[in-house]
């Protein structure tokens, strides 16, 4: 190839490349969006996030979840597992059964009959429910806790033991997940016992003995159905001779709530009835 032909070919190539370079349109840049752009059309979601977004408010932008916008992107609703993974709770399917609104993830309104989902975090409660079985054992968690974190008042289902009893007082004796394992403090008032044990309460309050001033829980300590012995307070107040004839306290003192002395023993031990004096008629 001659020098002249080479120079000519080089010049043609230079002109062609210059034409392509100056004539082509620049590549379109991907638009950059911010939360401020999203709120121009979407007002409800930002308002929810502002009110109750928690980490979705402080650590996440709209674009972190919704990577794109129609028509360039068709599926803009992400899976929760895109971010939430690695814990047993996150492996549950149907996140929106509890987390109805992903923009307010901790405002949780539970669907009916949910238990398994709750147990992935709250495992100790089911242990208690099975340990001491009651009607609560067969209830779904969401029957009482229809909103996450909600602690319902017992009186929503159960009548109070006395007219002036408050819902908060129920917890003095009953645990929600072990309601029949009744335990109580030493300052529990008698009125709480009286609603179920009315006969004993009436006997006690009409008694003229020192037992009248004693609280129910002084004798029936710590837990329900605890039956003390008289000796636990009174020791052995009577001599052996009397105990050989009347070995049980109740033989003379009837029941502890009334101490109606000689109620049963009186018929056995009563003194002979006084005989009428003979009247001697004068002849």
Foldseek 3Di string as FASTA:
>chain_A
DDPVVVVVVVVVVVVVVVCVVVVDDDDDDDDDDFLVVVCVPDVPLVVLLVVAQVCCNVPHTLCNQQVDDPPVDDDRGHDPCVPDDDAPLSPDPDLCQFQVDNSRRQFTFHDAQDAPSVCSPVVVLLVLCVVAPDPVNPHHPCVQCRTPPDHDQPVVPDPALDPPDDSVCQVQFADPSRGQFGFHDPPDAQSRVCSPVVVLLVLQCPAPDPSVPDGPCVQQPTTPPRHHAPCVPVNDPDDPVVCVVVVHPCCAQPDPRHRPGCPNVCVVDPDPDDDDDDDDDDD
